[in-house]
């Protein structure tokens, strides 16, 4: 268990440094070229997430597989509660998020939202086109939780 905790702390340290570098780079580029630079960078992140997830062998993956791939691997990084509805709906409430905390420390929630939160939409689309995703609140936008809702649409 100690090795897992040590690994998690190293991961967080590396991610913390990466986030700081991205914020610094983006802010410098925004000063020189304007605020739209963040949108251009976010587009690159979104395309990367889309490409990465399109390579995964998903078969006829549904909500359970989506949860395993997207959320079970984030223990210690994102604290969430899961609820499965009877009608093919999976809801998650994120109560604590390492990424939101780090971007907030830097006063860069706008970038965190674009770089982290918005990548989920194309990931879900490529994972299974029959899964619809909605989110109304995010910690990154100073709400008290993120509310993720995945719904499997029958053909």
C-alpha atoms as a PDB file:
ATOM      1  CA  UNK A   1       0.000   0.000   0.000  1.00  0.00           C
ATOM      2  CA  UNK A   2       2.858   2.353   0.727  1.00  0.00           C
ATOM      3  CA  UNK A   3       4.184   1.920  -2.811  1.00  0.00           C
ATOM      4  CA  UNK A   4       0.813   2.946  -4.249  1.00  0.00           C
ATOM      5  CA  UNK A   5       0.735   6.026  -2.031  1.00  0.00           C
ATOM      6  CA  UNK A   6       4.328   6.894  -2.990  1.00  0.00           C
ATOM      7  CA  UNK A   7       3.483   6.463  -6.674  1.00  0.00           C
ATOM      8  CA  UNK A   8       0.406   8.668  -6.275  1.00  0.00           C
ATOM      9  CA  UNK A   9       2.458  11.421  -4.632  1.00  0.00           C
ATOM     10  CA  UNK A  10       5.074  11.290  -7.403  1.00  0.00           C
ATOM     11  CA  UNK A  11       2.288  11.412  -9.992  1.00  0.00           C
ATOM     12  CA  UNK A  12       0.721  14.443  -8.298  1.00  0.00           C
ATOM     13  CA  UNK A  13       4.063  16.222  -8.118  1.00  0.00           C
ATOM     14  CA  UNK A  14       4.706  15.628 -11.828  1.00  0.00           C
ATOM     15  CA  UNK A  15       1.170  16.726 -12.750  1.00  0.00           C
ATOM     16  CA  UNK A  16       1.444  19.806 -10.516  1.00  0.00           C
ATOM     17  CA  UNK A  17       4.611  20.849 -12.382  1.00  0.00           C
ATOM     18  CA  UNK A  18       3.005  20.124 -15.757  1.00  0.00           C
ATOM     19  CA  UNK A  19      -0.067  22.195 -14.900  1.00  0.00           C
ATOM     20  CA  UNK A  20       2.090  25.118 -13.736  1.00  0.00           C
ATOM     21  CA  UNK A  21       4.138  24.999 -16.961  1.00  0.00           C
ATOM     22  CA  UNK A  22       1.000  24.900 -19.121  1.00  0.00           C
ATOM     23  CA  UNK A  23      -0.536  27.827 -17.266  1.00  0.00           C
ATOM     24  CA  UNK A  24       2.688  29.854 -17.528  1.00  0.00           C
ATOM     25  CA  UNK A  25       3.079  29.087 -21.249  1.00  0.00           C
ATOM     26  CA  UNK A  26      -0.572  29.851 -21.989  1.00  0.00           C
ATOM     27  CA  UNK A  27      -0.572  33.136 -20.066  1.00  0.00           C
ATOM     28  CA  UNK A  28       2.593  34.287 -21.833  1.00  0.00           C
ATOM     29  CA  UNK A  29       1.159  33.389 -25.241  1.00  0.00           C
ATOM     30  CA  UNK A  30      -2.124  35.102 -24.372  1.00  0.00           C
ATOM     31  CA  UNK A  31      -0.248  38.313 -23.525  1.00  0.00           C
ATOM     32  CA  UNK A  32       1.459  38.211 -26.898  1.00  0.00           C
ATOM     33  CA  UNK A  33      -1.305  36.836 -29.173  1.00  0.00           C
ATOM     34  CA  UNK A  34      -4.574  37.268 -27.309  1.00  0.00           C
ATOM     35  CA  UNK A  35      -6.982  35.189 -25.207  1.00  0.00           C
ATOM     36  CA  UNK A  36      -7.951  32.819 -28.061  1.00  0.00           C
ATOM     37  CA  UNK A  37      -4.612  31.027 -27.609  1.00  0.00           C
ATOM     38  CA  UNK A  38      -6.168  28.989 -24.778  1.00  0.00           C
ATOM     39  CA  UNK A  39      -8.884  27.776 -27.145  1.00  0.00           C
ATOM     40  CA  UNK A  40      -6.269  26.693 -29.673  1.00  0.00           C
ATOM     41  CA  UNK A  41      -4.344  24.773 -27.013  1.00  0.00           C
ATOM     42  CA  UNK A  42      -7.559  23.213 -25.709  1.00  0.00           C
ATOM     43  CA  UNK A  43      -8.344  22.047 -29.241  1.00  0.00           C
ATOM     44  CA  UNK A  44      -4.995  20.233 -29.375  1.00  0.00           C
ATOM     45  CA  UNK A  45      -5.745  18.549 -26.016  1.00  0.00           C
ATOM     46  CA  UNK A  46      -9.218  17.578 -27.194  1.00  0.00           C
ATOM     47  CA  UNK A  47      -7.895  16.088 -30.428  1.00  0.00           C
ATOM     48  CA  UNK A  48      -5.255  14.176 -28.458  1.00  0.00           C
ATOM     49  CA  UNK A  49      -7.865  12.744 -26.070  1.00  0.00           C
ATOM     50  CA  UNK A  50     -10.070  11.793 -29.005  1.00  0.00           C
ATOM     51  CA  UNK A  51      -7.194  10.038 -30.781  1.00  0.00           C
ATOM     52  CA  UNK A  52      -6.014   8.228 -27.635  1.00  0.00           C
ATOM     53  CA  UNK A  53      -9.471   6.885 -26.839  1.00  0.00           C
ATOM     54  CA  UNK A  54     -10.193   5.884 -30.436  1.00  0.00           C
ATOM     55  CA  UNK A  55      -7.249   3.453 -30.189  1.00  0.00           C
ATOM     56  CA  UNK A  56      -8.688   1.603 -27.204  1.00  0.00           C
ATOM     57  CA  UNK A  57     -10.315  -1.758 -27.960  1.00  0.00           C
ATOM     58  CA  UNK A  58     -13.793  -1.209 -26.578  1.00  0.00           C
ATOM     59  CA  UNK A  59     -15.854  -3.834 -28.340  1.00  0.00           C
ATOM     60  CA  UNK A  60     -19.509  -3.182 -27.551  1.00  0.00           C
ATOM     61  CA  UNK A  61     -18.639  -1.161 -24.489  1.00  0.00           C
ATOM     62  CA  UNK A  62     -21.354   0.254 -22.308  1.00  0.00           C
ATOM     63  CA  UNK A  63     -21.569   2.331 -19.161  1.00  0.00           C
ATOM     64  CA  UNK A  64     -19.795  -0.178 -16.918  1.00  0.00           C
ATOM     65  CA  UNK A  65     -16.777  -0.327 -19.225  1.00  0.00           C
ATOM     66  CA  UNK A  66     -16.749   3.453 -19.533  1.00  0.00           C
ATOM     67  CA  UNK A  67     -16.723   3.770 -15.755  1.00  0.00           C
ATOM     68  CA  UNK A  68     -13.874   1.279 -15.394  1.00  0.00           C
ATOM     69  CA  UNK A  69     -11.688   2.993 -17.980  1.00  0.00           C
ATOM     70  CA  UNK A  70     -12.453   6.605 -17.066  1.00  0.00           C
ATOM     71  CA  UNK A  71     -13.032   6.587 -13.336  1.00  0.00           C
ATOM     72  CA  UNK A  72     -11.668   3.529 -11.529  1.00  0.00           C
ATOM     73  CA  UNK A  73      -8.153   4.520 -12.559  1.00  0.00           C
ATOM     74  CA  UNK A  74      -8.488   7.915 -10.855  1.00  0.00           C
ATOM     75  CA  UNK A  75      -8.679   6.784  -7.236  1.00  0.00           C
ATOM     76  CA  UNK A  76      -6.684   9.199  -5.107  1.00  0.00           C
ATOM     77  CA  UNK A  77      -6.923  11.869  -7.802  1.00  0.00           C
ATOM     78  CA  UNK A  78     -10.674  12.387  -8.063  1.00  0.00           C
ATOM     79  CA  UNK A  79     -13.071  11.595  -5.205  1.00  0.00           C
ATOM     80  CA  UNK A  80     -16.492  10.666  -6.546  1.00  0.00           C
ATOM     81  CA  UNK A  81     -19.731   8.855  -5.801  1.00  0.00           C
ATOM     82  CA  UNK A  82     -21.432   6.717  -8.430  1.00  0.00           C
ATOM     83  CA  UNK A  83     -25.109   5.999  -8.891  1.00  0.00           C
ATOM     84  CA  UNK A  84     -26.526   3.725 -11.576  1.00  0.00           C
ATOM     85  CA  UNK A  85     -30.062   4.447 -12.621  1.00  0.00           C
ATOM     86  CA  UNK A  86     -32.328   1.650 -13.817  1.00  0.00           C
ATOM     87  CA  UNK A  87     -32.947   3.174 -17.235  1.00  0.00           C
ATOM     88  CA  UNK A  88     -29.388   2.967 -18.622  1.00  0.00           C
ATOM     89  CA  UNK A  89     -28.061   6.029 -16.862  1.00  0.00           C
ATOM     90  CA  UNK A  90     -24.877   6.447 -14.845  1.00  0.00           C
ATOM     91  CA  UNK A  91     -24.459   9.502 -12.635  1.00  0.00           C
ATOM     92  CA  UNK A  92     -21.296  10.593 -10.873  1.00  0.00           C
ATOM     93  CA  UNK A  93     -20.821  13.303  -8.315  1.00  0.00           C
ATOM     94  CA  UNK A  94     -17.248  14.484  -8.007  1.00  0.00           C
ATOM     95  CA  UNK A  95     -16.651  15.942  -4.561  1.00  0.00           C
ATOM     96  CA  UNK A  96     -12.911  16.548  -4.772  1.00  0.00           C
ATOM     97  CA  UNK A  97     -10.555  16.886  -7.748  1.00  0.00           C
ATOM     98  CA  UNK A  98      -6.787  17.230  -7.706  1.00  0.00           C
ATOM     99  CA  UNK A  99      -6.815  19.066 -11.053  1.00  0.00           C
ATOM    100  CA  UNK A 100      -9.410  21.627  -9.957  1.00  0.00           C
ATOM    101  CA  UNK A 101      -7.421  22.343  -6.796  1.00  0.00           C
ATOM    102  CA  UNK A 102      -4.191  22.841  -8.733  1.00  0.00           C
ATOM    103  CA  UNK A 103      -5.703  25.144 -11.349  1.00  0.00           C
ATOM    104  CA  UNK A 104      -7.471  27.132  -8.616  1.00  0.00           C
ATOM    105  CA  UNK A 105      -4.188  27.601  -6.727  1.00  0.00           C
ATOM    106  CA  UNK A 106      -2.840  29.227  -9.887  1.00  0.00           C
ATOM    107  CA  UNK A 107      -5.969  31.306 -10.500  1.00  0.00           C
ATOM    108  CA  UNK A 108      -6.420  29.468 -13.784  1.00  0.00           C
ATOM    109  CA  UNK A 109      -9.760  27.678 -13.519  1.00  0.00           C
ATOM    110  CA  UNK A 110     -10.613  29.006 -16.981  1.00  0.00           C
ATOM    111  CA  UNK A 111      -7.700  27.022 -18.397  1.00  0.00           C
ATOM    112  CA  UNK A 112      -8.422  23.969 -16.254  1.00  0.00           C
ATOM    113  CA  UNK A 113     -11.983  23.888 -17.529  1.00  0.00           C
ATOM    114  CA  UNK A 114     -10.819  24.066 -21.147  1.00  0.00           C
ATOM    115  CA  UNK A 115      -7.853  21.717 -20.773  1.00  0.00           C
ATOM    116  CA  UNK A 116      -9.305  19.082 -18.425  1.00  0.00           C
ATOM    117  CA  UNK A 117     -13.071  19.225 -18.164  1.00  0.00           C
ATOM    118  CA  UNK A 118     -13.954  19.736 -21.814  1.00  0.00           C
ATOM    119  CA  UNK A 119     -11.895  16.754 -23.005  1.00  0.00           C
ATOM    120  CA  UNK A 120     -14.510  14.414 -21.601  1.00  0.00           C
ATOM    121  CA  UNK A 121     -17.036  15.156 -24.351  1.00  0.00           C
ATOM    122  CA  UNK A 122     -14.982  13.843 -27.305  1.00  0.00           C
ATOM    123  CA  UNK A 123     -13.742  10.909 -25.226  1.00  0.00           C
ATOM    124  CA  UNK A 124     -17.298   9.750 -24.576  1.00  0.00           C
ATOM    125  CA  UNK A 125     -18.252  10.306 -28.228  1.00  0.00           C
ATOM    126  CA  UNK A 126     -15.460   8.096 -29.520  1.00  0.00           C
ATOM    127  CA  UNK A 127     -15.869   5.547 -26.725  1.00  0.00           C
ATOM    128  CA  UNK A 128     -19.407   4.718 -27.772  1.00  0.00           C
ATOM    129  CA  UNK A 129     -21.520   6.967 -30.028  1.00  0.00           C
ATOM    130  CA  UNK A 130     -24.664   5.660 -28.283  1.00  0.00           C
ATOM    131  CA  UNK A 131     -23.593   7.178 -24.963  1.00  0.00           C
ATOM    132  CA  UNK A 132     -24.721  10.729 -24.309  1.00  0.00           C
ATOM    133  CA  UNK A 133     -22.870  12.863 -21.783  1.00  0.00           C
ATOM    134  CA  UNK A 134     -24.018  15.948 -19.872  1.00  0.00           C
ATOM    135  CA  UNK A 135     -22.490  17.939 -17.081  1.00  0.00           C
ATOM    136  CA  UNK A 136     -24.000  21.057 -15.541  1.00  0.00           C
ATOM    137  CA  UNK A 137     -21.641  21.890 -12.685  1.00  0.00           C
ATOM    138  CA  UNK A 138     -17.898  21.598 -12.176  1.00  0.00           C
ATOM    139  CA  UNK A 139     -15.560  22.184  -9.290  1.00  0.00           C
ATOM    140  CA  UNK A 140     -13.378  24.030 -11.777  1.00  0.00           C
ATOM    141  CA  UNK A 141     -16.178  26.601 -12.149  1.00  0.00           C
ATOM    142  CA  UNK A 142     -16.460  27.030  -8.349  1.00  0.00           C
ATOM    143  CA  UNK A 143     -19.470  24.763  -7.832  1.00  0.00           C
ATOM    144  CA  UNK A 144     -19.425  22.417  -4.837  1.00  0.00           C
ATOM    145  CA  UNK A 145     -19.315  19.336  -7.107  1.00  0.00           C
ATOM    146  CA  UNK A 146     -19.114  18.104 -10.671  1.00  0.00           C
ATOM    147  CA  UNK A 147     -22.173  16.266 -11.866  1.00  0.00           C
ATOM    148  CA  UNK A 148     -21.538  13.822 -14.680  1.00  0.00           C
ATOM    149  CA  UNK A 149     -24.413  12.040 -16.364  1.00  0.00           C
ATOM    150  CA  UNK A 150     -23.951   9.283 -18.949  1.00  0.00           C
ATOM    151  CA  UNK A 151     -26.949   7.821 -20.709  1.00  0.00           C
ATOM    152  CA  UNK A 152     -26.943   4.824 -23.023  1.00  0.00           C
ATOM    153  CA  UNK A 153     -29.295   5.369 -25.954  1.00  0.00           C
ATOM    154  CA  UNK A 154     -30.834   2.212 -27.378  1.00  0.00           C
ATOM    155  CA  UNK A 155     -30.718   1.831 -31.151  1.00  0.00           C
END
